[in-house]
Amino acid sequence: MQAVFNAGGLVSATIVKAPLVGGYILIVKTKSGQDKAMTAQRDKNGEPRGFKTIDAAVASAVKVGFQTMTFNIR
């Protein structure tokens, strides 16, 4: 995902509360306008990666390259 970000393919990141995963998920918006949930690195099924805390989700977004993100915790 970091390579796509560096190439300019990702434009925004949103951290969303996700009770079914027991915490939060990170959703990125692509340059083409699609929303994609971040998946675990070795996940073959495309299941969203769950984060137990907002801090963990933020750290992952920062690692990708995002400096700003939005939160939807409803």
N, C-alpha and C. Protein backbone atom coordinates (compact mmCIF):
# COMPACT_ATOMS: atom_id res chain seq x y z
N MET A 1 0.83 -1.18 0.00
CA MET A 1 0.00 0.00 0.00
C MET A 1 0.87 1.25 0.00
N GLN A 2 2.03 1.16 0.64
CA GLN A 2 2.93 2.31 0.69
C GLN A 2 3.42 2.68 -0.71
N ALA A 3 3.66 1.70 -1.55
CA ALA A 3 4.10 1.97 -2.93
C ALA A 3 3.01 2.69 -3.71
N VAL A 4 1.76 2.30 -3.50
CA VAL A 4 0.64 2.96 -4.18
C VAL A 4 0.52 4.40 -3.69
N PHE A 5 0.69 4.61 -2.38
CA PHE A 5 0.66 5.96 -1.82
C PHE A 5 1.77 6.81 -2.42
N ASN A 6 2.98 6.28 -2.47
CA ASN A 6 4.12 7.02 -2.99
C ASN A 6 3.95 7.37 -4.47
N ALA A 7 3.21 6.54 -5.21
CA ALA A 7 2.96 6.80 -6.62
C ALA A 7 1.80 7.77 -6.83
N GLY A 8 1.17 8.22 -5.73
CA GLY A 8 0.07 9.17 -5.83
C GLY A 8 -1.29 8.53 -6.03
N GLY A 9 -1.39 7.22 -5.80
CA GLY A 9 -2.65 6.51 -6.03
C GLY A 9 -3.64 6.57 -4.89
N LEU A 10 -3.22 7.04 -3.71
CA LEU A 10 -4.12 7.15 -2.57
C LEU A 10 -4.25 8.61 -2.17
N VAL A 11 -5.49 9.06 -1.91
CA VAL A 11 -5.69 10.48 -1.63
C VAL A 11 -6.13 10.79 -0.20
N SER A 12 -6.75 9.83 0.50
CA SER A 12 -7.17 10.11 1.87
C SER A 12 -7.30 8.82 2.67
N ALA A 13 -7.32 8.99 3.99
CA ALA A 13 -7.48 7.85 4.90
C ALA A 13 -8.54 8.21 5.95
N THR A 14 -9.40 7.23 6.23
CA THR A 14 -10.43 7.41 7.24
C THR A 14 -10.39 6.21 8.19
N ILE A 15 -10.41 6.48 9.48
CA ILE A 15 -10.47 5.43 10.48
C ILE A 15 -11.92 5.31 10.92
N VAL A 16 -12.47 4.10 10.82
CA VAL A 16 -13.88 3.88 11.06
C VAL A 16 -14.06 2.87 12.20
N LYS A 17 -14.97 3.18 13.12
CA LYS A 17 -15.28 2.23 14.19
C LYS A 17 -15.99 1.03 13.57
N ALA A 18 -15.53 -0.16 13.91
CA ALA A 18 -16.06 -1.39 13.32
C ALA A 18 -16.29 -2.43 14.41
N PRO A 19 -17.49 -2.45 15.01
CA PRO A 19 -17.77 -3.37 16.10
C PRO A 19 -17.58 -4.84 15.73
N LEU A 20 -17.81 -5.21 14.49
CA LEU A 20 -17.68 -6.62 14.10
C LEU A 20 -16.24 -7.12 14.13
N VAL A 21 -15.28 -6.21 14.02
CA VAL A 21 -13.88 -6.62 14.13
C VAL A 21 -13.31 -6.29 15.51
N GLY A 22 -14.14 -5.76 16.37
CA GLY A 22 -13.71 -5.47 17.74
C GLY A 22 -12.83 -4.25 17.87
N GLY A 23 -13.03 -3.27 17.02
CA GLY A 23 -12.23 -2.05 17.11
C GLY A 23 -12.45 -1.13 15.93
N TYR A 24 -11.41 -0.96 15.11
CA TYR A 24 -11.43 0.02 14.04
C TYR A 24 -10.83 -0.57 12.77
N ILE A 25 -11.22 -0.01 11.63
CA ILE A 25 -10.60 -0.37 10.36
C ILE A 25 -10.13 0.92 9.68
N LEU A 26 -9.18 0.77 8.78
CA LEU A 26 -8.62 1.89 8.03
C LEU A 26 -9.11 1.78 6.60
N ILE A 27 -9.79 2.84 6.14
CA ILE A 27 -10.28 2.87 4.77
C ILE A 27 -9.54 3.97 4.02
N VAL A 28 -9.00 3.63 2.86
CA VAL A 28 -8.29 4.61 2.04
C VAL A 28 -9.10 4.88 0.78
N LYS A 29 -9.03 6.10 0.30
CA LYS A 29 -9.69 6.48 -0.94
C LYS A 29 -8.63 6.55 -2.02
N THR A 30 -8.90 5.87 -3.13
CA THR A 30 -7.96 5.87 -4.25
C THR A 30 -8.17 7.11 -5.11
N LYS A 31 -7.21 7.36 -5.96
CA LYS A 31 -7.29 8.50 -6.87
C LYS A 31 -8.52 8.40 -7.77
N SER A 32 -8.95 7.18 -8.06
CA SER A 32 -10.13 6.98 -8.92
C SER A 32 -11.45 7.10 -8.14
N GLY A 33 -11.36 7.35 -6.83
CA GLY A 33 -12.55 7.57 -6.02
C GLY A 33 -13.09 6.35 -5.30
N GLN A 34 -12.43 5.21 -5.42
CA GLN A 34 -12.88 4.00 -4.74
C GLN A 34 -12.41 3.97 -3.29
N ASP A 35 -13.26 3.44 -2.41
CA ASP A 35 -12.88 3.22 -1.02
C ASP A 35 -12.41 1.79 -0.88
N LYS A 36 -11.24 1.60 -0.27
CA LYS A 36 -10.67 0.28 -0.06
C LYS A 36 -10.27 0.14 1.40
N ALA A 37 -10.70 -0.95 2.02
CA ALA A 37 -10.30 -1.22 3.40
C ALA A 37 -8.90 -1.83 3.39
N MET A 38 -8.08 -1.39 4.32
CA MET A 38 -6.74 -1.96 4.45
C MET A 38 -6.88 -3.40 4.94
N THR A 39 -6.13 -4.30 4.31
CA THR A 39 -6.16 -5.71 4.70
C THR A 39 -4.83 -6.07 5.34
N ALA A 40 -4.82 -7.19 6.04
CA ALA A 40 -3.57 -7.68 6.62
C ALA A 40 -2.62 -8.06 5.48
N GLN A 41 -1.35 -7.95 5.71
CA GLN A 41 -0.35 -8.16 4.67
C GLN A 41 -0.45 -9.54 4.02
N ARG A 42 -0.72 -10.56 4.81
CA ARG A 42 -0.77 -11.92 4.27
C ARG A 42 -2.18 -12.44 4.04
N ASP A 43 -3.17 -11.57 4.13
CA ASP A 43 -4.56 -11.98 3.97
C ASP A 43 -4.86 -12.31 2.51
N LYS A 44 -5.41 -13.49 2.28
CA LYS A 44 -5.75 -13.92 0.92
C LYS A 44 -7.23 -13.68 0.60
N ASN A 45 -8.06 -13.43 1.62
CA ASN A 45 -9.50 -13.32 1.43
C ASN A 45 -10.01 -11.89 1.27
N GLY A 46 -9.15 -10.91 1.46
CA GLY A 46 -9.59 -9.52 1.34
C GLY A 46 -10.35 -8.99 2.54
N GLU A 47 -10.23 -9.68 3.66
CA GLU A 47 -10.91 -9.23 4.89
C GLU A 47 -10.22 -7.99 5.44
N PRO A 48 -10.99 -7.01 5.91
CA PRO A 48 -10.37 -5.80 6.48
C PRO A 48 -9.53 -6.13 7.70
N ARG A 49 -8.43 -5.44 7.84
CA ARG A 49 -7.58 -5.61 9.02
C ARG A 49 -8.22 -4.83 10.17
N GLY A 50 -8.38 -5.48 11.31
CA GLY A 50 -8.95 -4.82 12.47
C GLY A 50 -7.85 -4.29 13.39
N PHE A 51 -8.09 -3.12 13.94
CA PHE A 51 -7.17 -2.51 14.91
C PHE A 51 -7.92 -2.37 16.23
N LYS A 52 -7.30 -2.77 17.33
CA LYS A 52 -7.96 -2.71 18.63
C LYS A 52 -8.08 -1.28 19.16
N THR A 53 -7.14 -0.41 18.77
CA THR A 53 -7.18 0.97 19.25
C THR A 53 -7.06 1.94 18.08
N ILE A 54 -7.52 3.16 18.31
CA ILE A 54 -7.36 4.22 17.30
C ILE A 54 -5.88 4.48 17.08
N ASP A 55 -5.09 4.45 18.15
CA ASP A 55 -3.65 4.69 18.02
C ASP A 55 -2.99 3.71 17.06
N ALA A 56 -3.39 2.44 17.11
CA ALA A 56 -2.82 1.44 16.21
C ALA A 56 -3.21 1.73 14.76
N ALA A 57 -4.45 2.14 14.54
CA ALA A 57 -4.89 2.47 13.18
C ALA A 57 -4.16 3.70 12.66
N VAL A 58 -3.99 4.71 13.52
CA VAL A 58 -3.24 5.91 13.13
C VAL A 58 -1.80 5.55 12.79
N ALA A 59 -1.17 4.73 13.60
CA ALA A 59 0.23 4.34 13.35
C ALA A 59 0.36 3.64 12.00
N SER A 60 -0.61 2.82 11.66
CA SER A 60 -0.57 2.13 10.37
C SER A 60 -0.74 3.10 9.21
N ALA A 61 -1.65 4.07 9.35
CA ALA A 61 -1.85 5.08 8.31
C ALA A 61 -0.59 5.93 8.13
N VAL A 62 0.05 6.28 9.23
CA VAL A 62 1.29 7.06 9.17
C VAL A 62 2.40 6.25 8.50
N LYS A 63 2.45 4.97 8.79
CA LYS A 63 3.46 4.11 8.18
C LYS A 63 3.29 4.05 6.66
N VAL A 64 2.03 4.08 6.19
CA VAL A 64 1.77 4.11 4.75
C VAL A 64 2.26 5.43 4.15
N GLY A 65 2.13 6.53 4.92
CA GLY A 65 2.58 7.82 4.43
C GLY A 65 1.62 8.97 4.68
N PHE A 66 0.43 8.66 5.19
CA PHE A 66 -0.55 9.72 5.44
C PHE A 66 -0.12 10.58 6.62
N GLN A 67 -0.27 11.89 6.47
CA GLN A 67 0.02 12.82 7.57
C GLN A 67 -1.26 13.33 8.20
N THR A 68 -2.37 13.27 7.46
CA THR A 68 -3.67 13.66 8.00
C THR A 68 -4.66 12.56 7.68
N MET A 69 -5.66 12.39 8.54
CA MET A 69 -6.71 11.42 8.32
C MET A 69 -7.97 11.89 9.02
N THR A 70 -9.09 11.30 8.67
CA THR A 70 -10.35 11.62 9.32
C THR A 70 -10.80 10.41 10.14
N PHE A 71 -11.73 10.68 11.05
CA PHE A 71 -12.26 9.64 11.93
C PHE A 71 -13.76 9.60 11.83
N ASN A 72 -14.32 8.41 11.79
CA ASN A 72 -15.77 8.22 11.83
C ASN A 72 -16.01 7.19 12.92
N ILE A 73 -16.36 7.65 14.12
CA ILE A 73 -16.48 6.72 15.26
C ILE A 73 -17.92 6.49 15.68
N ARG A 74 -18.86 6.77 14.84
CA ARG A 74 -20.27 6.52 15.16
C ARG A 74 -20.62 5.08 14.97
